[in-house]
Protein backbone atom coordinates (compact mmCIF):
# COMPACT_ATOMS: atom_id res chain seq x y z
CA MET A 1 -17.36 -25.81 8.60
CA ALA A 2 -15.83 -22.92 6.49
CA ALA A 3 -17.94 -20.20 5.35
CA THR A 4 -17.74 -19.05 1.88
CA THR A 5 -16.76 -15.66 1.25
CA CYS A 6 -18.25 -13.60 -1.55
CA THR A 7 -15.24 -12.23 -3.70
CA ARG A 8 -16.32 -9.03 -5.48
CA PRO A 9 -14.42 -8.53 -8.81
CA SER A 10 -11.54 -5.84 -8.59
CA PRO A 11 -13.04 -2.29 -9.57
CA ARG A 12 -11.98 -0.96 -12.92
CA PRO A 13 -10.67 2.44 -13.07
CA ALA A 14 -13.25 5.00 -13.85
CA ASP A 15 -13.17 5.77 -17.66
CA ILE A 16 -13.46 9.52 -17.50
CA ARG A 17 -12.82 11.72 -20.53
CA LEU A 18 -12.54 15.37 -20.41
CA ARG A 19 -12.85 17.39 -23.72
CA TRP A 20 -9.88 19.60 -24.50
CA TRP A 21 -11.83 22.83 -23.82
CA ALA A 22 -12.82 21.55 -20.43
CA VAL A 23 -9.31 22.02 -19.30
CA ALA A 24 -8.28 24.64 -21.83
CA LEU A 25 -10.88 27.22 -21.03
CA PRO A 26 -10.24 27.30 -17.19
CA VAL A 27 -6.39 27.30 -17.91
CA ALA A 28 -6.89 30.34 -20.10
CA MET A 29 -8.99 32.23 -17.57
CA PHE A 30 -6.53 31.58 -14.96
CA ALA A 31 -3.78 32.88 -16.96
CA GLY A 32 -5.64 35.94 -18.18
CA LEU A 33 -6.21 36.81 -14.59
CA LEU A 34 -2.72 36.55 -13.70
CA ALA A 35 -1.61 38.67 -16.45
CA ALA A 36 -4.03 41.25 -15.17
CA LEU A 37 -3.32 41.12 -11.51
CA GLY A 38 0.39 40.55 -11.98
CA SER A 39 1.16 43.66 -14.13
CA GLY A 40 3.11 46.17 -12.39
CA ASP A 41 0.79 49.03 -13.10
CA ALA A 42 -2.64 48.90 -11.80
CA GLN A 43 -3.77 51.22 -14.10
CA ALA A 44 -3.00 49.08 -17.08
CA ALA A 45 -5.05 46.19 -15.92
CA SER A 46 -8.07 48.19 -15.65
CA SER A 47 -7.76 50.50 -18.62
CA VAL A 48 -9.11 47.56 -20.94
CA PRO A 49 -12.98 47.47 -20.57
CA LEU A 50 -14.28 43.89 -19.91
CA GLY A 51 -16.48 43.94 -22.73
CA GLU A 52 -13.35 44.29 -25.32
CA VAL A 53 -11.62 41.32 -23.55
CA LEU A 54 -14.72 39.25 -23.75
CA GLU A 55 -15.27 40.01 -27.34
CA TRP A 56 -11.46 39.32 -28.14
CA LEU A 57 -11.83 35.89 -26.36
CA GLU A 58 -14.92 34.88 -28.40
CA ARG A 59 -13.31 35.93 -31.53
CA THR A 60 -10.33 33.82 -30.68
CA LEU A 61 -12.32 30.87 -29.65
CA LEU A 62 -14.45 31.16 -32.85
CA LYS A 63 -11.27 30.95 -34.92
CA ILE A 64 -10.16 27.69 -33.15
CA PHE A 65 -13.58 25.96 -34.11
């Protein structure tokens, strides 16, 4: 007597959608860190206070939205 096997339907690929900013923000931050670390002069990277950089980033992002 043959046993019946349970056949499962093939799983569908996951429908995962990322918003554009979920990819763009990490890429922008990574590029900014590379630019700061990759500059030839170490003093140039530390001459701009972090607050000014964050304000610039905020203004830029608000222009986009």
